[in-house]
Protein backbone atom coordinates (compact mmCIF):
# COMPACT_ATOMS: atom_id res chain seq x y z
CA MET A 1 112.43 -52.57 120.37
CA THR A 2 112.66 -50.70 116.39
CA THR A 3 116.67 -50.22 115.46
CA VAL A 4 118.37 -48.94 112.15
CA ARG A 5 118.46 -51.87 109.44
CA THR A 6 121.49 -53.62 108.19
CA ILE A 7 122.18 -51.04 106.25
CA LEU A 8 123.14 -48.99 108.23
CA THR A 9 125.48 -50.95 110.75
CA VAL A 10 128.42 -48.23 110.18
CA ILE A 11 128.90 -49.37 106.06
CA LEU A 12 131.45 -47.20 104.91
CA THR A 13 131.21 -45.74 101.46
CA SER A 14 133.53 -46.19 98.58
CA ALA A 15 133.76 -42.22 97.55
CA ALA A 16 133.65 -40.42 101.02
CA VAL A 17 133.05 -36.64 99.66
CA ALA A 18 129.59 -37.17 97.17
CA VAL A 19 126.72 -38.75 98.97
CA PRO A 20 125.42 -41.96 96.09
CA ALA A 21 123.17 -40.16 94.15
CA ALA A 22 120.22 -38.05 95.81
CA THR A 23 117.19 -38.79 95.97
CA HIS A 24 114.45 -36.55 94.64
CA LEU A 25 110.72 -37.04 96.58
CA THR A 26 107.58 -34.59 96.95
CA ARG A 27 106.87 -33.09 99.74
CA GLU A 28 104.49 -35.45 101.09
CA GLU A 29 106.42 -38.44 100.25
CA ARG A 30 109.27 -37.01 102.31
CA GLU A 31 107.20 -36.90 105.31
CA HIS A 32 106.18 -40.38 104.73
CA VAL A 33 109.64 -40.81 104.75
CA ILE A 34 110.51 -39.18 108.14
CA ALA A 35 107.74 -41.15 109.12
CA ARG A 36 109.08 -44.33 109.05
CA ALA A 37 112.54 -42.88 109.93
CA GLN A 38 115.10 -44.70 113.40
CA VAL A 39 117.22 -42.49 114.76
CA TRP A 40 119.30 -45.32 116.72
CA ASN A 41 120.46 -48.71 116.20
CA ALA A 42 120.67 -51.87 118.10
CA GLY A 43 124.75 -52.90 119.49
CA ASP A 44 127.02 -53.74 121.33
CA ILE A 45 128.51 -50.76 123.30
CA ALA A 46 131.10 -52.94 125.00
CA SER A 47 132.66 -54.57 122.14
CA LYS A 48 133.08 -50.94 119.96
CA ASN A 49 136.91 -50.11 119.70
CA LEU A 50 136.55 -46.46 119.68
CA LEU A 51 140.92 -46.08 119.39
CA VAL A 52 140.78 -48.02 116.73
CA GLY A 53 137.46 -47.00 114.92
CA PRO A 54 134.89 -48.30 112.27
CA GLU A 55 136.32 -50.85 110.46
CA GLY A 56 135.55 -52.02 107.58
CA PRO A 57 136.03 -50.71 103.52
CA GLY A 58 137.37 -47.83 103.22
CA ALA A 59 138.36 -47.62 106.94
CA PHE A 60 142.07 -45.88 108.05
CA GLU A 61 144.61 -46.86 110.75
CA ARG A 62 145.14 -44.37 113.75
CA GLY A 63 147.82 -42.18 112.73
CA ALA A 64 148.33 -43.54 108.96
CA LEU A 65 150.31 -41.88 106.50
CA VAL A 66 147.79 -41.29 103.61
CA PRO A 67 148.97 -40.69 100.22
CA CYS A 68 146.97 -38.84 97.59
CA ASP A 69 146.91 -36.08 94.85
CA TYR A 70 145.01 -32.52 95.36
CA VAL A 71 141.56 -32.00 93.72
CA ASP A 72 140.48 -28.42 92.96
CA LYS A 73 136.74 -28.99 94.78
CA LYS A 74 134.99 -26.10 96.39
CA LEU A 75 134.08 -27.25 99.84
CA GLY A 76 130.98 -25.60 101.34
CA GLY A 77 132.20 -23.87 105.14
CA ALA A 78 134.89 -21.99 106.88
CA THR A 79 136.73 -24.36 108.18
CA PRO A 80 140.13 -25.36 106.52
CA LYS A 81 139.57 -28.36 104.52
CA PHE A 82 140.60 -29.87 100.51
CA VAL A 83 139.02 -32.99 98.07
CA CYS A 84 142.17 -35.76 97.73
CA ARG A 85 141.94 -38.77 94.76
CA LEU A 86 143.10 -41.61 96.55
CA ALA A 87 144.85 -44.00 95.23
CA GLY A 88 142.62 -46.29 93.78
CA GLY A 89 140.20 -43.66 92.62
CA ASP A 90 138.27 -42.32 95.96
CA GLU A 91 137.92 -38.45 96.40
CA VAL A 92 137.57 -37.89 100.24
CA LYS A 93 137.31 -34.99 102.13
CA VAL A 94 140.28 -34.21 104.54
CA LYS A 95 139.70 -31.63 107.57
CA PHE A 96 143.22 -30.04 108.71
CA GLY A 97 144.60 -27.71 110.60
CA GLY A 98 146.42 -28.05 114.11
CA THR A 99 144.02 -24.86 115.44
CA ASN A 100 141.10 -26.04 113.89
CA GLY A 101 139.02 -27.75 116.13
CA GLU A 102 137.21 -30.08 113.88
CA VAL A 103 139.99 -32.16 113.42
CA TYR A 104 139.98 -33.23 117.11
CA ALA A 105 135.71 -32.50 117.46
CA GLU A 106 134.44 -34.26 114.84
CA VAL A 107 136.61 -37.75 115.54
CA ALA A 108 135.90 -38.08 119.22
CA ALA A 109 131.66 -37.26 118.39
CA THR A 110 131.51 -39.28 115.22
CA ARG A 111 133.03 -42.39 117.24
CA LEU A 112 130.37 -41.35 120.49
CA LEU A 113 127.63 -41.69 118.31
CA TRP A 114 128.82 -44.59 116.40
CA ALA A 115 129.64 -46.52 119.91
CA LEU A 116 125.74 -45.93 121.93
CA GLY A 117 124.62 -46.86 118.87
CA PHE A 118 123.28 -43.43 116.79
CA PRO A 119 123.97 -42.73 112.82
CA ALA A 120 127.20 -41.17 112.11
CA ASP A 121 129.80 -40.81 109.42
CA ALA A 122 133.52 -41.93 110.46
CA MET A 123 136.50 -39.96 110.50
CA TYR A 124 139.81 -41.67 110.95
CA PRO A 125 142.86 -39.28 112.13
CA VAL A 126 145.41 -39.88 109.77
CA ARG A 127 148.22 -37.82 108.16
CA VAL A 128 148.16 -36.84 104.93
CA VAL A 129 150.44 -36.91 101.68
CA CYS A 130 149.44 -34.43 99.60
CA ARG A 131 150.54 -34.29 96.33
CA GLY A 132 149.85 -30.77 94.35
CA CYS A 133 148.28 -29.59 97.31
CA PRO A 134 148.51 -25.34 97.21
CA PRO A 135 149.84 -22.95 99.94
CA SER A 136 146.33 -22.52 101.40
CA VAL A 137 146.78 -26.23 102.07
CA GLN A 138 149.56 -26.46 105.25
CA GLY A 139 152.22 -28.30 105.71
CA ILE A 140 155.41 -29.04 105.90
CA ASP A 141 157.14 -29.53 102.18
CA ARG A 142 159.36 -32.74 102.02
CA PRO A 143 161.99 -33.08 99.23
CA ASP A 144 159.92 -34.95 96.41
CA GLY A 145 157.79 -32.41 96.39
CA THR A 146 154.40 -33.48 98.23
CA ARG A 147 153.19 -31.77 101.73
CA LEU A 148 152.99 -33.05 104.90
CA ILE A 149 149.65 -31.98 106.60
CA ASP A 150 149.54 -33.27 109.80
CA PRO A 151 147.25 -33.60 112.47
CA ALA A 152 144.14 -34.20 109.01
CA ALA A 153 141.50 -36.48 109.44
CA ILE A 154 138.83 -37.83 106.84
CA GLU A 155 135.83 -38.27 105.93
CA ARG A 156 134.32 -41.32 105.35
CA LYS A 157 130.30 -40.89 105.10
CA LEU A 158 127.89 -43.47 106.01
CA ASP A 159 126.16 -45.58 103.46
CA GLY A 160 122.88 -44.72 101.87
CA LYS A 161 120.72 -42.54 99.59
CA GLU A 162 120.32 -38.74 100.82
CA VAL A 163 116.73 -37.37 100.47
CA SER A 164 117.78 -33.69 99.60
CA ALA A 165 114.33 -32.62 97.87
CA PRO A 166 112.65 -31.04 98.35
CA VAL A 167 114.26 -29.99 101.17
CA GLU A 168 118.44 -31.13 102.34
CA GLY A 169 118.77 -32.40 105.15
CA TRP A 170 116.38 -31.84 108.38
CA ALA A 171 115.40 -29.90 111.45
CA TRP A 172 115.47 -30.92 114.99
CA LYS A 173 111.33 -30.15 114.86
CA GLU A 174 111.09 -32.74 112.00
CA LEU A 175 111.89 -35.33 115.21
CA ASP A 176 107.89 -34.17 115.81
CA LEU A 177 106.99 -35.91 112.39
CA VAL A 178 108.24 -39.79 113.02
CA ARG A 179 105.90 -42.23 113.59
CA GLU A 180 105.65 -44.91 115.70
CA ASP A 181 102.87 -46.18 114.65
CA GLN A 182 104.18 -46.37 110.93
CA GLY A 183 107.64 -47.91 112.15
CA GLY A 184 109.54 -44.90 113.10
CA ALA A 185 111.50 -43.92 115.82
CA PRO A 186 110.29 -44.64 119.50
CA ARG A 187 110.25 -40.91 121.12
CA GLU A 188 112.68 -42.27 123.74
CA GLN A 189 115.08 -42.71 120.56
CA ARG A 190 114.41 -39.48 118.91
CA GLU A 191 114.10 -37.80 122.98
CA ALA A 192 117.85 -39.48 123.79
CA LEU A 193 119.59 -37.71 120.25
CA VAL A 194 118.23 -34.33 121.22
CA LEU A 195 119.76 -34.69 124.19
CA LEU A 196 123.19 -36.37 123.36
CA ALA A 197 123.76 -33.30 120.49
CA ALA A 198 123.46 -31.02 123.64
CA PHE A 199 125.26 -32.60 126.16
CA ILE A 200 128.51 -32.39 122.97
CA GLN A 201 127.00 -29.41 122.50
CA HIS A 202 126.49 -29.44 119.13
CA SER A 203 126.83 -25.56 118.39
CA ASP A 204 126.41 -25.84 114.01
CA ASN A 205 122.31 -27.89 113.80
CA LYS A 206 120.61 -26.10 111.19
CA THR A 207 118.87 -28.00 108.46
CA VAL A 208 121.85 -29.12 106.26
CA GLN A 209 123.82 -30.02 109.00
CA GLN A 210 121.43 -33.07 109.14
CA ARG A 211 121.06 -35.61 106.65
CA LEU A 212 118.11 -38.06 106.05
CA LEU A 213 119.55 -41.06 104.38
CA CYS A 214 117.11 -44.21 102.78
CA GLU A 215 118.06 -47.40 101.81
CA SER A 216 116.86 -48.11 98.30
CA ALA A 217 113.71 -50.62 98.30
CA SER A 218 114.44 -53.84 97.32
CA LYS A 219 112.48 -56.91 95.77
CA ASP A 220 114.42 -59.36 97.62
CA GLU A 221 113.18 -57.51 100.81
CA GLY A 222 109.27 -58.23 99.56
CA GLN A 223 108.07 -54.87 99.74
CA SER A 224 104.50 -54.63 99.66
CA ASP A 225 103.41 -51.00 101.16
CA ASP A 226 102.67 -48.81 98.39
CA LYS A 227 103.47 -45.63 99.77
CA THR A 228 107.06 -47.51 100.69
CA ALA A 229 107.87 -49.06 97.00
CA LYS A 230 106.78 -45.66 95.60
CA ASP A 231 109.21 -42.60 97.57
CA GLY A 232 111.47 -45.89 96.49
CA CYS A 233 113.21 -45.97 100.66
CA ALA A 234 112.74 -49.23 102.52
CA SER A 235 115.15 -47.67 105.22
CA PRO A 236 114.96 -44.10 106.53
CA VAL A 237 117.46 -42.70 108.74
CA MET A 238 117.84 -39.18 110.50
CA MET A 239 121.35 -38.78 110.98
CA ILE A 240 123.42 -35.77 112.11
CA ASN A 241 125.98 -35.04 109.55
CA ASP A 242 128.75 -32.74 110.43
CA LEU A 243 129.68 -32.89 113.94
CA GLY A 244 132.92 -30.55 114.09
CA VAL A 245 131.42 -27.47 116.59
CA THR A 246 131.18 -29.97 119.09
CA PHE A 247 133.17 -30.50 122.79
CA GLY A 248 133.06 -26.92 123.22
CA ARG A 249 130.78 -24.34 124.31
CA ALA A 250 127.09 -23.26 121.57
CA ASN A 251 127.76 -20.45 120.53
CA PHE A 252 125.53 -18.15 118.15
CA THR A 253 128.18 -17.79 115.62
CA ASN A 254 129.40 -21.56 115.64
CA ASN A 255 133.03 -19.55 116.71
CA GLY A 256 135.25 -22.79 116.18
CA ASN A 257 137.49 -21.64 119.14
CA THR A 258 134.24 -21.69 121.67
CA GLY A 259 132.36 -24.18 119.85
CA SER A 260 135.08 -27.05 119.25
CA MET A 261 137.22 -29.70 121.45
CA ASN A 262 137.26 -26.87 123.87
CA LEU A 263 138.24 -28.45 127.71
CA GLU A 264 137.39 -25.10 129.35
CA ALA A 265 134.20 -24.30 127.86
CA TRP A 266 132.56 -27.80 127.70
CA SER A 267 133.70 -28.99 131.47
CA LYS A 268 131.82 -25.74 132.83
CA VAL A 269 128.41 -26.14 130.41
CA PRO A 270 126.23 -27.36 132.41
CA VAL A 271 123.66 -30.22 130.56
CA TRP A 272 120.54 -29.24 132.11
CA ARG A 273 119.31 -25.53 132.14
CA ASP A 274 116.30 -26.47 133.82
CA PRO A 275 116.53 -29.10 135.83
CA ALA A 276 113.63 -29.33 137.69
CA GLN A 277 111.76 -29.34 133.96
CA CYS A 278 114.83 -31.31 131.96
CA VAL A 279 115.54 -28.16 129.74
CA ALA A 280 118.91 -29.80 128.39
CA ASN A 281 121.31 -26.11 128.45
CA LEU A 282 122.10 -25.95 124.42
CA SER A 283 122.21 -22.02 123.38
CA GLY A 284 121.23 -21.34 119.77
CA SER A 285 123.32 -20.54 116.70
CA TYR A 286 121.86 -18.17 114.70
CA SER A 287 121.43 -20.82 111.59
CA GLY A 288 120.30 -23.77 114.70
CA THR A 289 116.95 -25.18 115.12
CA LEU A 290 117.58 -26.59 118.37
CA LYS A 291 117.78 -24.79 120.79
CA HIS A 292 117.52 -25.58 125.33
CA PRO A 293 114.97 -28.45 124.05
CA ARG A 294 112.78 -30.52 127.27
CA VAL A 295 113.05 -34.34 127.80
CA SER A 296 111.25 -36.93 129.61
CA GLU A 297 111.74 -39.42 131.91
CA SER A 298 111.89 -42.09 128.60
CA GLY A 299 114.35 -40.09 126.52
CA ARG A 300 116.57 -39.00 130.01
CA ARG A 301 117.06 -42.47 130.33
CA PHE A 302 117.57 -44.21 127.46
CA LEU A 303 120.54 -41.63 127.17
CA ALA A 304 122.13 -42.69 130.11
CA ASP A 305 121.56 -46.25 130.22
CA ARG A 306 123.68 -45.94 127.03
CA LEU A 307 126.42 -43.57 128.60
CA ALA A 308 126.86 -45.66 131.94
CA GLN A 309 127.90 -48.08 129.77
CA LEU A 310 130.94 -46.57 128.40
CA THR A 311 133.84 -48.02 130.45
CA ASP A 312 136.99 -45.88 131.39
CA ASN A 313 138.96 -47.58 129.03
CA GLN A 314 136.67 -46.24 125.89
CA LEU A 315 136.83 -43.00 127.11
CA ARG A 316 140.30 -42.38 127.02
CA ASP A 317 140.87 -44.42 123.31
CA LEU A 318 137.92 -42.02 122.15
CA PHE A 319 140.11 -38.79 123.57
CA THR A 320 143.45 -40.72 122.43
CA ALA A 321 142.20 -41.58 119.18
CA ALA A 322 140.92 -37.49 119.34
CA ARG A 323 144.46 -36.73 120.11
CA VAL A 324 143.18 -33.77 122.52
CA GLU A 325 147.15 -33.70 123.84
CA LEU A 326 147.52 -31.14 120.95
CA ARG A 327 144.67 -28.85 121.39
CA THR A 328 145.18 -26.01 124.13
CA ARG A 329 142.45 -26.02 127.62
CA ILE A 330 141.44 -22.96 125.94
CA PRO A 331 141.58 -22.87 121.93
CA ASP A 332 142.37 -18.39 121.62
CA LYS A 333 144.98 -18.85 124.93
CA PRO A 334 147.86 -20.73 124.04
CA ARG A 335 149.66 -20.58 128.17
CA SER A 336 146.62 -22.11 128.97
CA GLY A 337 148.29 -25.33 128.18
CA LEU A 338 147.60 -28.32 126.70
CA ALA A 339 144.79 -30.68 127.60
CA THR A 340 145.57 -34.01 128.77
CA VAL A 341 143.42 -37.11 127.80
CA ASP A 342 142.78 -38.05 131.53
CA GLU A 343 141.14 -34.01 132.00
CA TRP A 344 138.62 -34.55 128.71
CA VAL A 345 137.57 -38.77 130.67
CA GLY A 346 137.12 -36.40 133.23
CA ALA A 347 134.74 -33.84 132.26
CA PHE A 348 133.28 -36.52 130.57
CA GLN A 349 132.23 -37.86 133.33
CA ALA A 350 131.63 -35.74 135.65
CA LYS A 351 129.13 -34.28 132.94
CA ARG A 352 127.76 -38.10 132.24
CA ALA A 353 126.48 -37.89 135.88
CA GLN A 354 124.71 -35.25 135.63
CA ILE A 355 122.47 -36.80 133.49
CA VAL A 356 122.97 -40.63 134.84
CA ASP A 357 122.01 -39.57 138.47
CA HIS A 358 118.95 -36.90 137.14
CA MET A 359 115.35 -37.86 137.81
CA CYS A 360 112.74 -35.99 134.58
CA GLY A 361 109.20 -35.19 135.56
CA PRO A 362 106.37 -35.64 133.31
CA LEU A 363 106.51 -34.00 129.74
CA LEU A 364 104.26 -32.28 129.38
CA SER A 365 104.75 -30.05 126.21
CA THR A 366 103.81 -32.41 123.08
CA ASN A 367 107.06 -31.36 120.95
CA LEU A 368 110.39 -32.23 121.26
CA ARG A 369 111.77 -29.03 120.99
CA HIS A 370 111.78 -26.02 123.92
């Protein structure tokens, strides 16, 4: 079975904000890269420690107190975040704020994908001691002039060169361009990724929220394919780039209260919009490229087999790491009370059962989107 190459077994970059030098390709070269792309990597799910997360260079311990210097750089998106420089010179992206659902959701979503074998960035739940942070970065001022930012999450990008031209990211329909006969990911793996996106309610699924990465061709690898050498991409990977608006209910405006770590909403959204036709339930956002996708039995079974391997203890670790107990059950209703880890585990088990206990009929559609 085709898997993502060694470079993408969760290697962390030394600098999380700037992706390594982007690879600029023609449209033809980019399509060739996509044709050979992988979306999944085989691994031992039982061995994944979801409380600790991906380990290696650049990793942070859960709840670590991380000192850094504020860097005045503009970041896209509307959720609270900033760039901070660590003692070693690394610049990292910090998402913060107790009412910012992405602080919780992205930790849970990235660790879930990582455990199941789908490439994802790493998010670490930490406390940040910021030097020079402006008033817009809210926290607790300390006597030494620094500011404690808690809760916060630091992002570490998955290593690889980003293919950013002529198109940044990829649209979900482009999964249909992957060719197994050219070494690309089998259909069942691509469908599993699509179904997983619906399972976690990946609402903000516009093109730039997915990333196309590649490892540069190396003479040591004995590359002999002229096209591969030309596009310089020995190991293409299609991955989800931003998983902040997940574990809620997908919505047209990608509203965070609705779409990010909303126990009430996520637990009530059925996995299937049309169970008989195996059409997954994922409402389209105003800028999204994935809506109510249909999957085959092989795709359902591929994801089901992997979801079923997650133990109850791993699920508790997943939601403990995400600090779900700091998030109210209905984020815009404080009186709904703080959620518990056990409630999130129960919701996950119930939704997982909708995939594991289901069976899909023949897939009549020729593509991966409804």
